């Protein structure tokens, strides 16, 4: 495993936001959802593609708080421009389980 120093870690903007909208990403090559997340004042609502279909329907995502990396460059994913990276961990079957805060925190709060 490669190590990083504190300055490298500080560059990663891991923020909390609330899912405001989600829908099936029908055009995706692999099963995925389109997800819109409100990261609060300053960042607003950002969208991404999330391969979380093994554990979540679009309806189950709306209202959840999630953790996202918000300072990656925009990435084109098929017909969609992904504006952040939603975070999670693969379970034993390879399905992604979202990384989420254990309690409610303000949208836009940074991981510390």
C-alpha atoms as a PDB file:
ATOM      1  CA  UNK A   1       0.000   0.000   0.000  1.00  0.00           C
ATOM      2  CA  UNK A   2       1.309   3.414  -0.960  1.00  0.00           C
ATOM      3  CA  UNK A   3       1.340   5.950   1.865  1.00  0.00           C
ATOM      4  CA  UNK A   4       0.332   9.591   1.521  1.00  0.00           C
ATOM      5  CA  UNK A   5       1.142  12.556   3.680  1.00  0.00           C
ATOM      6  CA  UNK A   6      -1.314  14.803   5.494  1.00  0.00           C
ATOM      7  CA  UNK A   7      -1.157  17.434   2.742  1.00  0.00           C
ATOM      8  CA  UNK A   8      -2.338  14.852   0.195  1.00  0.00           C
ATOM      9  CA  UNK A   9      -5.300  13.896   2.385  1.00  0.00           C
ATOM     10  CA  UNK A  10      -6.271  17.525   2.936  1.00  0.00           C
ATOM     11  CA  UNK A  11      -6.664  17.961  -0.831  1.00  0.00           C
ATOM     12  CA  UNK A  12      -9.573  15.471  -0.949  1.00  0.00           C
ATOM     13  CA  UNK A  13     -12.896  17.245  -0.400  1.00  0.00           C
ATOM     14  CA  UNK A  14     -15.085  14.575   1.229  1.00  0.00           C
ATOM     15  CA  UNK A  15     -18.439  16.235   1.911  1.00  0.00           C
ATOM     16  CA  UNK A  16     -21.855  15.156   3.167  1.00  0.00           C
ATOM     17  CA  UNK A  17     -24.983  15.833   1.162  1.00  0.00           C
ATOM     18  CA  UNK A  18     -28.599  14.713   0.955  1.00  0.00           C
ATOM     19  CA  UNK A  19     -29.954  12.849  -2.069  1.00  0.00           C
ATOM     20  CA  UNK A  20     -32.719  14.986  -3.577  1.00  0.00           C
ATOM     21  CA  UNK A  21     -33.442  12.931  -6.679  1.00  0.00           C
ATOM     22  CA  UNK A  22     -32.531   9.525  -8.095  1.00  0.00           C
ATOM     23  CA  UNK A  23     -33.549   7.559 -11.147  1.00  0.00           C
ATOM     24  CA  UNK A  24     -32.486   4.466 -13.064  1.00  0.00           C
ATOM     25  CA  UNK A  25     -29.611   5.218 -15.451  1.00  0.00           C
ATOM     26  CA  UNK A  26     -31.076   3.237 -18.343  1.00  0.00           C
ATOM     27  CA  UNK A  27     -28.314   4.212 -20.790  1.00  0.00           C
ATOM     28  CA  UNK A  28     -25.463   2.987 -18.547  1.00  0.00           C
ATOM     29  CA  UNK A  29     -23.387   0.007 -19.682  1.00  0.00           C
ATOM     30  CA  UNK A  30     -23.511  -1.471 -16.158  1.00  0.00           C
ATOM     31  CA  UNK A  31     -26.544  -1.183 -13.835  1.00  0.00           C
ATOM     32  CA  UNK A  32     -26.495   2.247 -12.201  1.00  0.00           C
ATOM     33  CA  UNK A  33     -28.622   5.106 -10.920  1.00  0.00           C
ATOM     34  CA  UNK A  34     -28.428   8.815 -11.689  1.00  0.00           C
ATOM     35  CA  UNK A  35     -28.215  10.584  -8.332  1.00  0.00           C
ATOM     36  CA  UNK A  36     -28.548  14.285  -7.446  1.00  0.00           C
ATOM     37  CA  UNK A  37     -27.166  15.363  -4.056  1.00  0.00           C
ATOM     38  CA  UNK A  38     -27.543  18.691  -2.242  1.00  0.00           C
ATOM     39  CA  UNK A  39     -24.155  19.577  -0.737  1.00  0.00           C
ATOM     40  CA  UNK A  40     -25.431  22.803   0.803  1.00  0.00           C
ATOM     41  CA  UNK A  41     -24.568  26.424   0.338  1.00  0.00           C
ATOM     42  CA  UNK A  42     -21.513  26.980  -1.814  1.00  0.00           C
ATOM     43  CA  UNK A  43     -21.682  23.663  -3.678  1.00  0.00           C
ATOM     44  CA  UNK A  44     -25.402  23.241  -4.276  1.00  0.00           C
ATOM     45  CA  UNK A  45     -26.840  20.201  -6.032  1.00  0.00           C
ATOM     46  CA  UNK A  46     -24.369  17.987  -7.907  1.00  0.00           C
ATOM     47  CA  UNK A  47     -25.148  14.874  -9.964  1.00  0.00           C
ATOM     48  CA  UNK A  48     -23.378  11.574 -10.469  1.00  0.00           C
ATOM     49  CA  UNK A  49     -23.780   8.036 -11.706  1.00  0.00           C
ATOM     50  CA  UNK A  50     -23.753   5.444  -8.924  1.00  0.00           C
ATOM     51  CA  UNK A  51     -23.486   1.672  -9.331  1.00  0.00           C
ATOM     52  CA  UNK A  52     -25.437   0.994  -6.144  1.00  0.00           C
ATOM     53  CA  UNK A  53     -28.305  -0.981  -7.669  1.00  0.00           C
ATOM     54  CA  UNK A  54     -27.513  -4.119  -5.659  1.00  0.00           C
ATOM     55  CA  UNK A  55     -28.698  -2.508  -2.410  1.00  0.00           C
ATOM     56  CA  UNK A  56     -30.723   0.595  -3.298  1.00  0.00           C
ATOM     57  CA  UNK A  57     -33.648   1.544  -5.493  1.00  0.00           C
ATOM     58  CA  UNK A  58     -33.917   5.177  -6.589  1.00  0.00           C
ATOM     59  CA  UNK A  59     -36.773   5.657  -4.118  1.00  0.00           C
ATOM     60  CA  UNK A  60     -34.640   4.348  -1.229  1.00  0.00           C
ATOM     61  CA  UNK A  61     -31.857   6.798  -2.043  1.00  0.00           C
ATOM     62  CA  UNK A  62     -33.942   9.987  -1.863  1.00  0.00           C
ATOM     63  CA  UNK A  63     -33.582  11.661   1.539  1.00  0.00           C
ATOM     64  CA  UNK A  64     -30.422   9.731   2.520  1.00  0.00           C
ATOM     65  CA  UNK A  65     -27.258  11.534   3.460  1.00  0.00           C
ATOM     66  CA  UNK A  66     -24.188  10.305   1.551  1.00  0.00           C
ATOM     67  CA  UNK A  67     -20.479  11.097   1.433  1.00  0.00           C
ATOM     68  CA  UNK A  68     -18.986  12.304  -1.823  1.00  0.00           C
ATOM     69  CA  UNK A  69     -15.675  13.525  -3.219  1.00  0.00           C
ATOM     70  CA  UNK A  70     -16.627  16.896  -4.672  1.00  0.00           C
ATOM     71  CA  UNK A  71     -13.304  18.141  -6.070  1.00  0.00           C
ATOM     72  CA  UNK A  72     -12.654  15.621  -8.838  1.00  0.00           C
ATOM     73  CA  UNK A  73     -12.903  16.973 -12.390  1.00  0.00           C
ATOM     74  CA  UNK A  74     -16.227  16.456 -14.153  1.00  0.00           C
ATOM     75  CA  UNK A  75     -16.312  13.072 -15.907  1.00  0.00           C
ATOM     76  CA  UNK A  76     -18.446  12.127 -18.902  1.00  0.00           C
ATOM     77  CA  UNK A  77     -20.295   8.842 -18.276  1.00  0.00           C
ATOM     78  CA  UNK A  78     -22.302   8.033 -21.384  1.00  0.00           C
ATOM     79  CA  UNK A  79     -24.789  10.864 -21.903  1.00  0.00           C
ATOM     80  CA  UNK A  80     -24.279  12.216 -18.366  1.00  0.00           C
ATOM     81  CA  UNK A  81     -21.654  14.501 -16.820  1.00  0.00           C
ATOM     82  CA  UNK A  82     -20.724  13.188 -13.368  1.00  0.00           C
ATOM     83  CA  UNK A  83     -19.876  16.084 -11.020  1.00  0.00           C
ATOM     84  CA  UNK A  84     -18.737  14.152  -7.923  1.00  0.00           C
ATOM     85  CA  UNK A  85     -17.859  10.646  -6.734  1.00  0.00           C
ATOM     86  CA  UNK A  86     -20.275   8.989  -4.337  1.00  0.00           C
ATOM     87  CA  UNK A  87     -18.417   6.760  -1.851  1.00  0.00           C
ATOM     88  CA  UNK A  88     -19.083   3.238  -0.652  1.00  0.00           C
ATOM     89  CA  UNK A  89     -17.633  -0.192  -0.001  1.00  0.00           C
ATOM     90  CA  UNK A  90     -18.094  -3.466  -1.879  1.00  0.00           C
ATOM     91  CA  UNK A  91     -19.808  -6.248   0.042  1.00  0.00           C
ATOM     92  CA  UNK A  92     -18.914  -9.938  -0.383  1.00  0.00           C
ATOM     93  CA  UNK A  93     -20.867 -10.108  -3.663  1.00  0.00           C
ATOM     94  CA  UNK A  94     -19.263  -6.929  -5.013  1.00  0.00           C
ATOM     95  CA  UNK A  95     -22.374  -4.785  -4.509  1.00  0.00           C
ATOM     96  CA  UNK A  96     -21.683  -1.275  -3.238  1.00  0.00           C
ATOM     97  CA  UNK A  97     -22.878  -0.248   0.238  1.00  0.00           C
ATOM     98  CA  UNK A  98     -22.872   3.527   0.666  1.00  0.00           C
ATOM     99  CA  UNK A  99     -20.508   5.281   3.066  1.00  0.00           C
ATOM    100  CA  UNK A 100     -22.829   7.407   5.209  1.00  0.00           C
ATOM    101  CA  UNK A 101     -22.621   9.449   8.422  1.00  0.00           C
ATOM    102  CA  UNK A 102     -23.871   7.697  11.569  1.00  0.00           C
ATOM    103  CA  UNK A 103     -26.118  10.660  12.390  1.00  0.00           C
ATOM    104  CA  UNK A 104     -27.535  13.730  10.697  1.00  0.00           C
ATOM    105  CA  UNK A 105     -24.980  16.430   9.878  1.00  0.00           C
ATOM    106  CA  UNK A 106     -25.341  19.666   7.890  1.00  0.00           C
ATOM    107  CA  UNK A 107     -25.152  19.341   4.108  1.00  0.00           C
ATOM    108  CA  UNK A 108     -21.698  20.375   2.957  1.00  0.00           C
ATOM    109  CA  UNK A 109     -19.953  19.278   6.179  1.00  0.00           C
ATOM    110  CA  UNK A 110     -16.411  18.161   5.425  1.00  0.00           C
ATOM    111  CA  UNK A 111     -14.932  14.913   6.715  1.00  0.00           C
ATOM    112  CA  UNK A 112     -12.580  15.750   9.557  1.00  0.00           C
END
